Amino acid sequence: MKLTFSTHALRRMLRQGIRSEEVQMVFESGERIEEYPDDEPYRSYLLLGWPGGQPLHVVAADDVEEGEIIVVTTYMPDPIRWESDFKTRRPR
């Protein structure tokens, strides 16, 4: 399946200096850490990867009919909101 970036994801990547190659690395070697089955129009999920040794979160959804993975957003997780493993949200 090919990667398609939403406008929102592209804006976030530009703002945070995240390259498309880094996002690709998350899909190749990252880990799915959350699922969002109620998201519309497609179920989505959160991936964690470590391109360049830094944590990177990618929210994506699979459009099986079109054969594409839609990158909804991507960001460097905030250590204030995430435990040190960047897999577990801290209590609010």
C-alpha atoms as a PDB file:
ATOM      1  CA  MET A   1       0.000   0.000   0.000  1.00  0.00           C
ATOM      2  CA  LYS A   2       1.244   3.481  -0.766  1.00  0.00           C
ATOM      3  CA  LEU A   3       1.513   6.318   1.754  1.00  0.00           C
ATOM      4  CA  THR A   4      -0.686   9.363   1.266  1.00  0.00           C
ATOM      5  CA  PHE A   5      -0.151  12.390   3.498  1.00  0.00           C
ATOM      6  CA  SER A   6      -3.079  14.533   4.632  1.00  0.00           C
ATOM      7  CA  THR A   7      -2.670  18.300   4.419  1.00  0.00           C
ATOM      8  CA  HIS A   8      -2.675  18.406   8.212  1.00  0.00           C
ATOM      9  CA  ALA A   9       0.147  15.845   8.402  1.00  0.00           C
ATOM     10  CA  LEU A  10       2.217  17.783   5.865  1.00  0.00           C
ATOM     11  CA  ARG A  11       1.781  21.010   7.832  1.00  0.00           C
ATOM     12  CA  ARG A  12       2.806  19.315  11.089  1.00  0.00           C
ATOM     13  CA  MET A  13       5.817  17.722   9.407  1.00  0.00           C
ATOM     14  CA  LEU A  14       6.939  21.061   7.989  1.00  0.00           C
ATOM     15  CA  ARG A  15       6.504  22.823  11.346  1.00  0.00           C
ATOM     16  CA  GLN A  16       8.407  20.165  13.290  1.00  0.00           C
ATOM     17  CA  GLY A  17      11.062  19.354  10.704  1.00  0.00           C
ATOM     18  CA  ILE A  18       9.858  15.775  10.195  1.00  0.00           C
ATOM     19  CA  ARG A  19      10.888  14.246   6.873  1.00  0.00           C
ATOM     20  CA  SER A  20       8.758  11.802   4.867  1.00  0.00           C
ATOM     21  CA  GLU A  21      11.648   9.300   5.064  1.00  0.00           C
ATOM     22  CA  GLU A  22      11.323   9.344   8.853  1.00  0.00           C
ATOM     23  CA  VAL A  23       7.600   8.637   8.628  1.00  0.00           C
ATOM     24  CA  GLN A  24       8.330   5.772   6.232  1.00  0.00           C
ATOM     25  CA  MET A  25      10.801   4.368   8.784  1.00  0.00           C
ATOM     26  CA  VAL A  26       8.054   4.359  11.432  1.00  0.00           C
ATOM     27  CA  PHE A  27       5.889   2.207   9.149  1.00  0.00           C
ATOM     28  CA  GLU A  28       8.790  -0.139   8.417  1.00  0.00           C
ATOM     29  CA  SER A  29      10.106  -0.650  11.944  1.00  0.00           C
ATOM     30  CA  GLY A  30       7.687   1.051  14.348  1.00  0.00           C
ATOM     31  CA  GLU A  31       5.128  -0.400  16.694  1.00  0.00           C
ATOM     32  CA  ARG A  32       1.361   0.039  16.804  1.00  0.00           C
ATOM     33  CA  ILE A  33       0.608   1.353  20.299  1.00  0.00           C
ATOM     34  CA  GLU A  34      -3.049   2.458  20.122  1.00  0.00           C
ATOM     35  CA  GLU A  35      -6.129   1.690  18.021  1.00  0.00           C
ATOM     36  CA  TYR A  36      -9.028   4.033  17.257  1.00  0.00           C
ATOM     37  CA  PRO A  37     -11.738   1.722  15.877  1.00  0.00           C
ATOM     38  CA  ASP A  38     -14.485   4.356  15.996  1.00  0.00           C
ATOM     39  CA  ASP A  39     -12.682   6.906  13.797  1.00  0.00           C
ATOM     40  CA  GLU A  40     -14.401   7.807  10.537  1.00  0.00           C
ATOM     41  CA  PRO A  41     -14.236   7.359   7.639  1.00  0.00           C
ATOM     42  CA  TYR A  42     -11.545   4.767   8.444  1.00  0.00           C
ATOM     43  CA  ARG A  43     -10.367   3.107  11.629  1.00  0.00           C
ATOM     44  CA  SER A  44      -7.058   4.650  12.600  1.00  0.00           C
ATOM     45  CA  TYR A  45      -4.106   3.760  14.795  1.00  0.00           C
ATOM     46  CA  LEU A  46      -1.063   5.289  16.451  1.00  0.00           C
ATOM     47  CA  LEU A  47       2.437   4.097  15.651  1.00  0.00           C
ATOM     48  CA  LEU A  48       5.645   4.772  17.558  1.00  0.00           C
ATOM     49  CA  GLY A  49       8.995   4.680  15.831  1.00  0.00           C
ATOM     50  CA  TRP A  50      12.517   5.842  16.591  1.00  0.00           C
ATOM     51  CA  PRO A  51      14.025   7.294  13.393  1.00  0.00           C
ATOM     52  CA  GLY A  52      17.411   8.770  14.214  1.00  0.00           C
ATOM     53  CA  GLY A  53      16.995   7.627  17.824  1.00  0.00           C
ATOM     54  CA  GLN A  54      14.186  10.118  18.527  1.00  0.00           C
ATOM     55  CA  PRO A  55      10.565   9.116  19.260  1.00  0.00           C
ATOM     56  CA  LEU A  56       8.040   9.856  16.529  1.00  0.00           C
ATOM     57  CA  HIS A  57       4.281   9.249  16.610  1.00  0.00           C
ATOM     58  CA  VAL A  58       2.298   8.714  13.416  1.00  0.00           C
ATOM     59  CA  VAL A  59      -1.497   8.479  13.282  1.00  0.00           C
ATOM     60  CA  ALA A  60      -2.647   6.640  10.174  1.00  0.00           C
ATOM     61  CA  ALA A  61      -5.632   4.920   8.617  1.00  0.00           C
ATOM     62  CA  ASP A  62      -5.802   2.211   5.972  1.00  0.00           C
ATOM     63  CA  ASP A  63      -7.995   2.778   2.928  1.00  0.00           C
ATOM     64  CA  VAL A  64      -8.019  -0.798   1.670  1.00  0.00           C
ATOM     65  CA  GLU A  65     -10.254  -0.040  -1.329  1.00  0.00           C
ATOM     66  CA  GLU A  66      -7.813   2.554  -2.651  1.00  0.00           C
ATOM     67  CA  GLY A  67      -4.743   0.596  -1.572  1.00  0.00           C
ATOM     68  CA  GLU A  68      -3.303   3.410   0.477  1.00  0.00           C
ATOM     69  CA  ILE A  69      -2.278   4.276   4.002  1.00  0.00           C
ATOM     70  CA  ILE A  70      -3.391   7.777   4.934  1.00  0.00           C
ATOM     71  CA  VAL A  71      -1.036   9.598   7.280  1.00  0.00           C
ATOM     72  CA  VAL A  72      -3.469  11.656   9.368  1.00  0.00           C
ATOM     73  CA  THR A  73      -0.872  13.399  11.521  1.00  0.00           C
ATOM     74  CA  THR A  74       2.614  12.977  12.862  1.00  0.00           C
ATOM     75  CA  TYR A  75       4.422  14.551  15.783  1.00  0.00           C
ATOM     76  CA  MET A  76       7.241  14.238  18.250  1.00  0.00           C
ATOM     77  CA  PRO A  77       5.547  13.123  21.475  1.00  0.00           C
ATOM     78  CA  ASP A  78       5.692  15.532  24.417  1.00  0.00           C
ATOM     79  CA  PRO A  79       7.431  13.925  27.439  1.00  0.00           C
ATOM     80  CA  ILE A  80       5.026  15.820  29.701  1.00  0.00           C
ATOM     81  CA  ARG A  81       2.107  13.874  28.193  1.00  0.00           C
ATOM     82  CA  TRP A  82       3.838  10.508  27.677  1.00  0.00           C
ATOM     83  CA  GLU A  83       5.750   8.121  29.923  1.00  0.00           C
ATOM     84  CA  SER A  84       9.439   7.634  29.118  1.00  0.00           C
ATOM     85  CA  ASP A  85       8.620   4.717  26.781  1.00  0.00           C
ATOM     86  CA  PHE A  86       6.412   7.092  24.709  1.00  0.00           C
ATOM     87  CA  LYS A  87       3.842   4.256  24.512  1.00  0.00           C
ATOM     88  CA  THR A  88       1.846   5.133  27.617  1.00  0.00           C
ATOM     89  CA  ARG A  89      -0.050   8.365  28.199  1.00  0.00           C
ATOM     90  CA  ARG A  90       0.526  10.058  31.524  1.00  0.00           C
ATOM     91  CA  PRO A  91      -2.582  10.653  33.654  1.00  0.00           C
ATOM     92  CA  ARG A  92      -3.978  14.151  33.265  1.00  0.00           C
END
